[in-house]
Amino acid sequence: MADGSLIIYDKSNMIAPDLFGAFANPLRLRILSLLGAQKEICVCDLCVVLGVSQPKVSRHLAILRETRLVDVRSEGKWKFYSLAQPATSLHRTLLRCIGTCLTEIDELAADRERLAGIEPRLRCD
C-alpha cells in the first residue's frame, strides 16, 4: 500500500489488525477472559464482576461482536454473551492464549474468582 500500512485478510474476511486491536484493550481482554472461563455470561454479571457501568461494558462488547470474537443471544430483556467459535487459526490461537498464557495475570485471575463467587444474573432487574 502507498502509505506503508499492511492489511491482512484471512479466509473468513477477519482482519488481523482488528483482532489484535480487540485483544489489546485491557477491558476487552478481561471480558474475553471471563467468557473463556464460563460458557455464557449476562451483561449485568459482567458489570458486577468488572466493576464497570453497563454502557461501557456494552460498548466494548459491541466491538467484540464487530470483530466476531463473541456471540450474543437474547432472553427476554437480558443479553447473554459467549465466545464465538474460532473462524481461523489466528482466532483460535488468540483465544487459547487467554486460557493458558494469560492465566497468571493477577487482574484476570481476580475477575474469574469474582465471577465464580456471584449468583448468575445477580444485578439483573
Protein backbone atom coordinates (compact mmCIF):
# COMPACT_ATOMS: atom_id res chain seq x y z
CA MET A 1 0.00 0.00 0.00
CA ALA A 2 1.12 3.54 -0.68
CA ASP A 3 1.09 4.63 2.96
CA GLY A 4 3.12 1.62 4.09
CA SER A 5 0.32 0.03 6.13
CA LEU A 6 -0.35 -3.66 5.79
CA ILE A 7 -3.84 -5.13 5.75
CA ILE A 8 -4.01 -8.86 6.35
CA TYR A 9 -7.21 -10.69 5.46
CA ASP A 10 -7.78 -14.32 6.25
CA LYS A 11 -10.23 -16.86 4.86
CA SER A 12 -13.16 -15.59 6.91
CA ASN A 13 -12.51 -11.93 6.00
CA MET A 14 -11.44 -11.22 9.56
CA ILE A 15 -8.79 -8.53 9.56
CA ALA A 16 -5.80 -9.48 11.72
CA PRO A 17 -5.13 -5.91 12.97
CA ASP A 18 -8.78 -5.71 14.12
CA LEU A 19 -8.37 -8.96 16.06
CA PHE A 20 -5.18 -7.75 17.69
CA GLY A 21 -6.81 -4.39 18.41
CA ALA A 22 -9.73 -6.10 20.13
CA PHE A 23 -7.32 -8.10 22.28
CA ALA A 24 -5.12 -5.07 23.00
CA ASN A 25 -7.70 -3.25 25.13
CA PRO A 26 -7.47 -4.24 28.82
CA LEU A 27 -11.24 -4.23 29.44
CA ARG A 28 -11.95 -6.31 26.34
CA LEU A 29 -9.22 -8.73 27.36
CA ARG A 30 -10.87 -9.04 30.78
CA ILE A 31 -14.25 -9.70 29.12
CA LEU A 32 -12.76 -12.35 26.84
CA SER A 33 -11.05 -13.98 29.80
CA LEU A 34 -14.34 -14.19 31.70
CA LEU A 35 -16.16 -15.59 28.69
CA GLY A 36 -13.43 -18.19 28.37
CA ALA A 37 -13.95 -19.19 31.99
CA GLN A 38 -17.73 -19.53 31.71
CA LYS A 39 -19.71 -20.59 28.67
CA GLU A 40 -22.15 -17.68 28.72
CA ILE A 41 -22.48 -14.52 30.82
CA CYS A 42 -25.22 -11.91 31.15
CA VAL A 43 -24.17 -8.28 30.62
CA CYS A 44 -25.30 -7.38 34.13
CA ASP A 45 -22.99 -10.04 35.61
CA LEU A 46 -20.08 -8.71 33.56
CA CYS A 47 -20.77 -5.25 35.00
CA VAL A 48 -20.72 -6.60 38.56
CA VAL A 49 -17.54 -8.62 38.12
CA LEU A 50 -15.67 -5.90 36.23
CA GLY A 51 -16.94 -3.01 38.35
CA VAL A 52 -17.79 -1.06 35.20
CA SER A 53 -21.00 0.61 34.04
CA GLN A 54 -23.38 -1.15 31.66
CA PRO A 55 -22.89 1.37 28.82
CA LYS A 56 -19.11 0.91 28.95
CA VAL A 57 -19.34 -2.89 29.01
CA SER A 58 -21.89 -2.82 26.17
CA ARG A 59 -19.65 -0.56 24.06
CA HIS A 60 -16.74 -2.98 24.41
CA LEU A 61 -19.00 -5.98 23.75
CA ALA A 62 -20.14 -4.27 20.52
CA ILE A 63 -16.52 -4.04 19.39
CA LEU A 64 -16.01 -7.71 20.22
CA ARG A 65 -19.16 -8.56 18.22
CA GLU A 66 -17.96 -6.49 15.26
CA THR A 67 -14.69 -8.42 15.22
CA ARG A 68 -16.67 -11.66 15.55
CA LEU A 69 -14.99 -12.65 18.79
CA VAL A 70 -18.25 -13.00 20.72
CA ASP A 71 -21.81 -14.12 20.03
CA VAL A 72 -24.91 -12.76 21.72
CA ARG A 73 -28.33 -14.22 22.41
CA SER A 74 -31.33 -12.52 23.94
CA GLU A 75 -33.61 -13.98 26.58
CA GLY A 76 -36.35 -11.54 27.48
CA LYS A 77 -34.64 -8.30 28.45
CA TRP A 78 -31.29 -9.99 29.10
CA LYS A 79 -28.39 -10.33 26.69
CA PHE A 80 -26.06 -13.27 27.11
CA TYR A 81 -22.60 -13.29 25.58
CA SER A 82 -20.33 -16.19 24.75
CA LEU A 83 -17.10 -16.67 22.84
CA ALA A 84 -17.67 -17.15 19.13
CA GLN A 85 -16.42 -20.31 17.50
CA PRO A 86 -12.95 -19.53 16.13
CA ALA A 87 -13.16 -18.79 12.42
CA THR A 88 -9.43 -19.04 11.74
CA SER A 89 -6.30 -20.49 13.25
CA LEU A 90 -5.25 -17.00 14.37
CA HIS A 91 -8.59 -16.53 16.14
CA ARG A 92 -8.27 -19.97 17.77
CA THR A 93 -4.68 -19.27 18.88
CA LEU A 94 -5.57 -15.91 20.43
CA LEU A 95 -8.47 -17.44 22.39
CA ARG A 96 -6.27 -20.34 23.51
CA CYS A 97 -3.70 -17.84 24.75
CA ILE A 98 -6.28 -16.24 27.04
CA GLY A 99 -6.97 -19.61 28.63
CA THR A 100 -3.32 -20.56 29.03
CA CYS A 101 -0.72 -17.81 28.60
CA LEU A 102 -2.65 -15.09 30.40
CA THR A 103 -3.97 -17.05 33.38
CA GLU A 104 -1.13 -15.75 35.52
CA ILE A 105 -2.20 -12.11 35.18
CA ASP A 106 -3.48 -11.16 38.63
CA GLU A 107 -6.34 -8.95 37.42
CA LEU A 108 -7.71 -11.67 35.13
CA ALA A 109 -7.44 -14.27 37.90
CA ALA A 110 -9.25 -11.93 40.32
CA ASP A 111 -12.03 -11.39 37.75
CA ARG A 112 -12.50 -15.14 37.37
CA GLU A 113 -12.65 -15.55 41.17
CA ARG A 114 -15.29 -12.81 41.44
CA LEU A 115 -17.29 -14.43 38.64
CA ALA A 116 -17.21 -17.80 40.39
CA GLY A 117 -18.45 -16.15 43.59
CA ILE A 118 -21.60 -14.44 42.30
CA GLU A 119 -25.08 -15.73 41.67
CA PRO A 120 -25.92 -15.65 37.95
CA ARG A 121 -27.84 -12.53 36.92
CA LEU A 122 -27.19 -11.06 40.37
CA ARG A 123 -27.80 -7.48 39.25
CA CYS A 124 -30.50 -8.02 36.64
CA ASP A 125 -33.76 -6.25 37.42
